[in-house]
């Protein structure tokens, strides 16, 4: 799953305003990297960076990306594939697993 998708996904059981939390267990870097202006929304970028639980992205990195196409943040959003992990709805707590780069949106609720 490409991390930028977190900005457009929603829980099937909750309103679009519910927050999804990304937890990453395994990633792989992709050769191709691209950028979309639609992703230049500060809250989406912060949510994705938080999911990776990394501290190498500073406030300056995020602000620079929003002002111009920062290579480090762009690589995270579009040049990374989440191979294993989970997306959790913070409202209803439904967990959507990610296995073999595929987000499984089938749940038992």
N, C-alpha and C. Protein backbone atom coordinates (compact mmCIF):
# COMPACT_ATOMS: atom_id res chain seq x y z
N UNK A 1 0.84 -1.17 0.00
CA UNK A 1 0.00 0.00 0.00
C UNK A 1 0.90 1.24 0.00
N UNK A 2 0.60 2.15 -0.85
CA UNK A 2 1.35 3.41 -0.88
C UNK A 2 0.84 4.31 0.25
N UNK A 3 1.73 4.90 1.02
CA UNK A 3 1.33 5.71 2.16
C UNK A 3 0.41 6.89 1.82
N UNK A 4 0.51 7.45 0.62
CA UNK A 4 -0.34 8.60 0.30
C UNK A 4 -1.82 8.23 0.31
N UNK A 5 -2.13 6.94 0.18
CA UNK A 5 -3.53 6.51 0.19
C UNK A 5 -4.22 6.77 1.52
N UNK A 6 -3.45 6.87 2.59
CA UNK A 6 -4.03 7.14 3.90
C UNK A 6 -4.82 8.45 3.88
N UNK A 7 -4.43 9.36 3.03
CA UNK A 7 -5.12 10.64 2.93
C UNK A 7 -6.46 10.59 2.23
N UNK A 8 -6.76 9.48 1.55
CA UNK A 8 -8.03 9.39 0.83
C UNK A 8 -8.90 8.22 1.28
N UNK A 9 -8.39 7.39 2.17
CA UNK A 9 -9.17 6.26 2.67
C UNK A 9 -10.07 6.69 3.82
N UNK A 10 -11.15 5.92 4.03
CA UNK A 10 -12.01 6.15 5.18
C UNK A 10 -12.50 4.83 5.72
N UNK A 11 -12.86 4.80 6.97
CA UNK A 11 -13.43 3.61 7.59
C UNK A 11 -14.83 3.38 7.01
N UNK A 12 -15.16 2.13 6.75
CA UNK A 12 -16.46 1.81 6.17
C UNK A 12 -17.61 2.05 7.15
N UNK A 13 -17.31 2.13 8.43
CA UNK A 13 -18.35 2.22 9.45
C UNK A 13 -18.49 3.61 10.05
N UNK A 14 -17.60 4.50 9.72
CA UNK A 14 -17.56 5.81 10.37
C UNK A 14 -17.63 6.93 9.34
N UNK A 15 -17.90 8.15 9.79
CA UNK A 15 -17.92 9.28 8.85
C UNK A 15 -16.53 9.56 8.30
N UNK A 16 -16.49 10.30 7.22
CA UNK A 16 -15.23 10.60 6.55
C UNK A 16 -14.27 11.36 7.45
N UNK A 17 -14.79 12.02 8.46
CA UNK A 17 -13.94 12.80 9.36
C UNK A 17 -13.22 11.95 10.40
N UNK A 18 -13.55 10.66 10.48
CA UNK A 18 -12.85 9.80 11.45
C UNK A 18 -11.39 9.66 11.06
N UNK A 19 -10.54 9.54 12.05
CA UNK A 19 -9.09 9.46 11.82
C UNK A 19 -8.66 8.01 11.67
N UNK A 20 -7.82 7.75 10.67
CA UNK A 20 -7.21 6.44 10.49
C UNK A 20 -5.76 6.53 10.91
N UNK A 21 -5.29 5.51 11.62
CA UNK A 21 -3.92 5.48 12.12
C UNK A 21 -3.17 4.37 11.39
N UNK A 22 -2.03 4.70 10.83
CA UNK A 22 -1.20 3.74 10.10
C UNK A 22 -0.08 3.24 11.00
N UNK A 23 0.05 1.92 11.10
CA UNK A 23 1.18 1.31 11.81
C UNK A 23 1.91 0.42 10.82
N UNK A 24 3.18 0.70 10.63
CA UNK A 24 3.98 0.02 9.62
C UNK A 24 4.90 -1.01 10.27
N UNK A 25 4.90 -2.23 9.74
CA UNK A 25 5.79 -3.28 10.22
C UNK A 25 6.90 -3.58 9.22
N UNK A 26 6.59 -3.49 7.93
CA UNK A 26 7.58 -3.79 6.89
C UNK A 26 7.32 -2.91 5.67
N UNK A 27 8.38 -2.35 5.12
CA UNK A 27 8.26 -1.52 3.92
C UNK A 27 9.32 -1.92 2.90
N UNK A 28 9.09 -1.51 1.67
CA UNK A 28 10.13 -1.62 0.65
C UNK A 28 10.13 -0.33 -0.15
N UNK A 29 11.32 0.06 -0.58
CA UNK A 29 11.45 1.26 -1.39
C UNK A 29 11.20 0.91 -2.84
N UNK A 30 10.54 1.83 -3.54
CA UNK A 30 10.23 1.63 -4.95
C UNK A 30 11.17 2.48 -5.79
N UNK A 31 11.41 2.02 -7.01
CA UNK A 31 12.28 2.76 -7.91
C UNK A 31 11.62 4.04 -8.40
N UNK A 32 10.33 3.96 -8.69
CA UNK A 32 9.62 5.13 -9.21
C UNK A 32 9.10 5.97 -8.06
N UNK A 33 9.22 7.25 -8.21
CA UNK A 33 8.71 8.17 -7.21
C UNK A 33 8.03 9.32 -7.94
N UNK A 34 6.83 9.68 -7.54
CA UNK A 34 6.12 10.77 -8.17
C UNK A 34 5.46 11.62 -7.11
N UNK A 35 4.96 12.72 -7.52
CA UNK A 35 4.32 13.64 -6.59
C UNK A 35 2.99 14.11 -7.16
N UNK A 36 2.05 14.35 -6.28
CA UNK A 36 0.76 14.89 -6.67
C UNK A 36 0.49 16.13 -5.84
N UNK A 37 0.07 17.21 -6.48
CA UNK A 37 -0.22 18.44 -5.73
C UNK A 37 -1.35 18.23 -4.73
N UNK A 38 -2.26 17.28 -5.02
CA UNK A 38 -3.38 17.04 -4.12
C UNK A 38 -2.89 16.58 -2.74
N UNK A 39 -1.69 16.02 -2.67
CA UNK A 39 -1.17 15.53 -1.41
C UNK A 39 -0.51 16.63 -0.57
N UNK A 40 -0.49 17.83 -1.05
CA UNK A 40 0.16 18.90 -0.30
C UNK A 40 -0.77 19.46 0.77
N UNK A 41 -1.21 18.59 1.64
CA UNK A 41 -2.04 18.98 2.77
C UNK A 41 -1.30 18.59 4.03
N UNK A 42 -1.05 19.56 4.85
CA UNK A 42 -0.19 19.36 6.02
C UNK A 42 -0.67 18.24 6.93
N UNK A 43 -1.97 18.15 7.23
CA UNK A 43 -2.44 17.13 8.17
C UNK A 43 -2.26 15.73 7.61
N UNK A 44 -2.41 15.54 6.31
CA UNK A 44 -2.21 14.22 5.70
C UNK A 44 -0.75 13.81 5.82
N UNK A 45 0.13 14.71 5.51
CA UNK A 45 1.57 14.41 5.57
C UNK A 45 1.97 14.08 7.00
N UNK A 46 1.50 14.84 7.97
CA UNK A 46 1.84 14.58 9.37
C UNK A 46 1.32 13.22 9.82
N UNK A 47 0.11 12.85 9.40
CA UNK A 47 -0.49 11.57 9.78
C UNK A 47 0.34 10.41 9.23
N UNK A 48 0.78 10.53 7.99
CA UNK A 48 1.56 9.46 7.37
C UNK A 48 2.93 9.34 8.03
N UNK A 49 3.59 10.46 8.25
CA UNK A 49 4.90 10.43 8.90
C UNK A 49 4.78 9.81 10.29
N UNK A 50 3.71 10.13 11.02
CA UNK A 50 3.49 9.56 12.36
C UNK A 50 3.33 8.05 12.29
N UNK A 51 2.68 7.54 11.26
CA UNK A 51 2.46 6.10 11.12
C UNK A 51 3.76 5.33 10.98
N UNK A 52 4.75 5.95 10.40
CA UNK A 52 6.04 5.29 10.23
C UNK A 52 6.88 5.36 11.50
N UNK A 53 6.42 6.13 12.48
CA UNK A 53 7.11 6.27 13.76
C UNK A 53 8.60 6.59 13.57
N UNK A 54 8.85 7.56 12.70
CA UNK A 54 10.22 7.97 12.43
C UNK A 54 10.42 9.41 12.87
N UNK A 55 11.61 9.71 13.26
CA UNK A 55 11.91 11.05 13.74
C UNK A 55 12.82 11.81 12.79
N UNK A 56 13.10 11.23 11.62
CA UNK A 56 14.02 11.91 10.71
C UNK A 56 13.36 13.03 9.92
N UNK A 57 12.04 13.18 10.03
CA UNK A 57 11.34 14.26 9.35
C UNK A 57 11.09 15.38 10.34
N UNK A 58 11.67 16.52 10.05
CA UNK A 58 11.53 17.67 10.93
C UNK A 58 10.36 18.53 10.46
N UNK A 59 10.00 19.48 11.30
CA UNK A 59 8.98 20.46 10.91
C UNK A 59 9.42 21.19 9.64
N UNK A 60 10.71 21.44 9.52
CA UNK A 60 11.23 22.13 8.35
C UNK A 60 11.05 21.29 7.08
N UNK A 61 11.24 19.95 7.20
CA UNK A 61 11.03 19.07 6.05
C UNK A 61 9.60 19.16 5.55
N UNK A 62 8.66 19.12 6.48
CA UNK A 62 7.24 19.16 6.09
C UNK A 62 6.89 20.51 5.49
N UNK A 63 7.35 21.58 6.11
CA UNK A 63 7.06 22.92 5.58
C UNK A 63 7.71 23.11 4.21
N UNK A 64 8.93 22.62 4.05
CA UNK A 64 9.62 22.73 2.76
C UNK A 64 8.87 21.95 1.68
N UNK A 65 8.38 20.77 2.03
CA UNK A 65 7.61 19.98 1.07
C UNK A 65 6.35 20.72 0.64
N UNK A 66 5.68 21.35 1.60
CA UNK A 66 4.46 22.07 1.28
C UNK A 66 4.74 23.27 0.38
N UNK A 67 5.91 23.87 0.55
CA UNK A 67 6.28 25.02 -0.27
C UNK A 67 6.83 24.59 -1.63
N UNK A 68 7.57 23.52 -1.65
CA UNK A 68 8.12 22.97 -2.89
C UNK A 68 8.26 21.47 -2.70
N UNK A 69 8.56 20.76 -3.72
CA UNK A 69 8.54 19.30 -3.69
C UNK A 69 9.78 18.75 -2.98
N UNK A 70 9.72 18.61 -1.67
CA UNK A 70 10.83 18.09 -0.89
C UNK A 70 11.03 16.61 -1.20
N UNK A 71 12.21 16.25 -1.61
CA UNK A 71 12.50 14.89 -2.07
C UNK A 71 12.29 13.83 -0.98
N UNK A 72 12.67 14.12 0.25
CA UNK A 72 12.57 13.13 1.33
C UNK A 72 11.10 12.79 1.64
N UNK A 73 10.25 13.80 1.75
CA UNK A 73 8.84 13.56 2.05
C UNK A 73 8.14 12.93 0.85
N UNK A 74 8.48 13.38 -0.35
CA UNK A 74 7.89 12.81 -1.56
C UNK A 74 8.24 11.33 -1.69
N UNK A 75 9.46 10.97 -1.35
CA UNK A 75 9.89 9.57 -1.39
C UNK A 75 9.08 8.73 -0.40
N UNK A 76 8.82 9.26 0.79
CA UNK A 76 8.02 8.54 1.77
C UNK A 76 6.59 8.32 1.27
N UNK A 77 5.97 9.36 0.74
CA UNK A 77 4.58 9.27 0.31
C UNK A 77 4.38 8.39 -0.92
N UNK A 78 5.28 8.52 -1.90
CA UNK A 78 5.05 7.90 -3.20
C UNK A 78 6.09 6.86 -3.60
N UNK A 79 7.24 6.83 -2.95
CA UNK A 79 8.30 5.91 -3.33
C UNK A 79 8.49 4.79 -2.33
N UNK A 80 7.52 4.61 -1.46
CA UNK A 80 7.56 3.58 -0.43
C UNK A 80 6.31 2.73 -0.54
N UNK A 81 6.47 1.43 -0.32
CA UNK A 81 5.34 0.51 -0.33
C UNK A 81 5.26 -0.15 1.05
N UNK A 82 4.12 -0.01 1.71
CA UNK A 82 3.90 -0.67 2.99
C UNK A 82 3.55 -2.12 2.69
N UNK A 83 4.46 -3.03 2.99
CA UNK A 83 4.27 -4.45 2.70
C UNK A 83 3.44 -5.11 3.79
N UNK A 84 3.70 -4.74 5.03
CA UNK A 84 2.98 -5.34 6.17
C UNK A 84 2.72 -4.26 7.21
N UNK A 85 1.52 -4.28 7.75
CA UNK A 85 1.15 -3.32 8.78
C UNK A 85 -0.35 -3.34 9.00
N UNK A 86 -0.87 -2.21 9.46
CA UNK A 86 -2.31 -2.14 9.69
C UNK A 86 -2.76 -0.69 9.69
N UNK A 87 -4.02 -0.50 9.34
CA UNK A 87 -4.69 0.79 9.44
C UNK A 87 -5.82 0.60 10.44
N UNK A 88 -5.85 1.45 11.47
CA UNK A 88 -6.86 1.33 12.51
C UNK A 88 -7.72 2.59 12.53
N UNK A 89 -9.04 2.40 12.57
CA UNK A 89 -9.96 3.52 12.73
C UNK A 89 -9.92 3.94 14.20
N UNK A 90 -9.62 5.20 14.44
CA UNK A 90 -9.51 5.69 15.81
C UNK A 90 -10.88 5.87 16.47
N UNK A 91 -11.97 5.88 15.68
CA UNK A 91 -13.31 6.01 16.25
C UNK A 91 -13.88 4.67 16.69
N UNK A 92 -13.97 3.71 15.76
CA UNK A 92 -14.61 2.42 16.08
C UNK A 92 -13.60 1.30 16.36
N UNK A 93 -12.31 1.59 16.18
CA UNK A 93 -11.21 0.66 16.49
C UNK A 93 -11.13 -0.55 15.56
N UNK A 94 -11.83 -0.52 14.41
CA UNK A 94 -11.69 -1.60 13.43
C UNK A 94 -10.28 -1.55 12.86
N UNK A 95 -9.66 -2.73 12.73
CA UNK A 95 -8.30 -2.84 12.20
C UNK A 95 -8.37 -3.43 10.80
N UNK A 96 -7.76 -2.74 9.85
CA UNK A 96 -7.65 -3.22 8.48
C UNK A 96 -6.19 -3.63 8.26
N UNK A 97 -5.91 -4.93 8.15
CA UNK A 97 -4.52 -5.37 8.00
C UNK A 97 -3.97 -5.09 6.61
N UNK A 98 -2.65 -4.93 6.55
CA UNK A 98 -1.93 -4.81 5.28
C UNK A 98 -1.01 -6.02 5.19
N UNK A 99 -1.20 -6.85 4.20
CA UNK A 99 -0.37 -8.04 3.96
C UNK A 99 0.02 -8.06 2.49
N UNK A 100 1.28 -8.30 2.22
CA UNK A 100 1.77 -8.35 0.83
C UNK A 100 1.38 -7.10 0.06
N UNK A 101 1.46 -5.95 0.71
CA UNK A 101 1.20 -4.63 0.13
C UNK A 101 -0.27 -4.36 -0.17
N UNK A 102 -1.18 -5.23 0.30
CA UNK A 102 -2.60 -5.07 0.01
C UNK A 102 -3.35 -4.77 1.30
N UNK A 103 -4.10 -3.66 1.29
CA UNK A 103 -4.94 -3.30 2.42
C UNK A 103 -6.23 -4.12 2.35
N UNK A 104 -6.50 -4.90 3.38
CA UNK A 104 -7.69 -5.75 3.43
C UNK A 104 -8.80 -4.97 4.13
N UNK A 105 -9.80 -4.55 3.37
CA UNK A 105 -10.89 -3.76 3.94
C UNK A 105 -12.10 -4.61 4.30
N UNK A 106 -11.96 -5.93 4.22
CA UNK A 106 -13.03 -6.83 4.65
C UNK A 106 -12.87 -7.03 6.15
N UNK A 107 -13.93 -6.74 6.89
CA UNK A 107 -13.85 -6.91 8.34
C UNK A 107 -15.05 -7.70 8.84
N UNK A 108 -15.02 -8.03 10.09
CA UNK A 108 -16.08 -8.87 10.67
C UNK A 108 -17.12 -8.06 11.42
N UNK A 109 -17.00 -6.76 11.43
CA UNK A 109 -17.95 -5.92 12.17
C UNK A 109 -19.26 -5.82 11.45
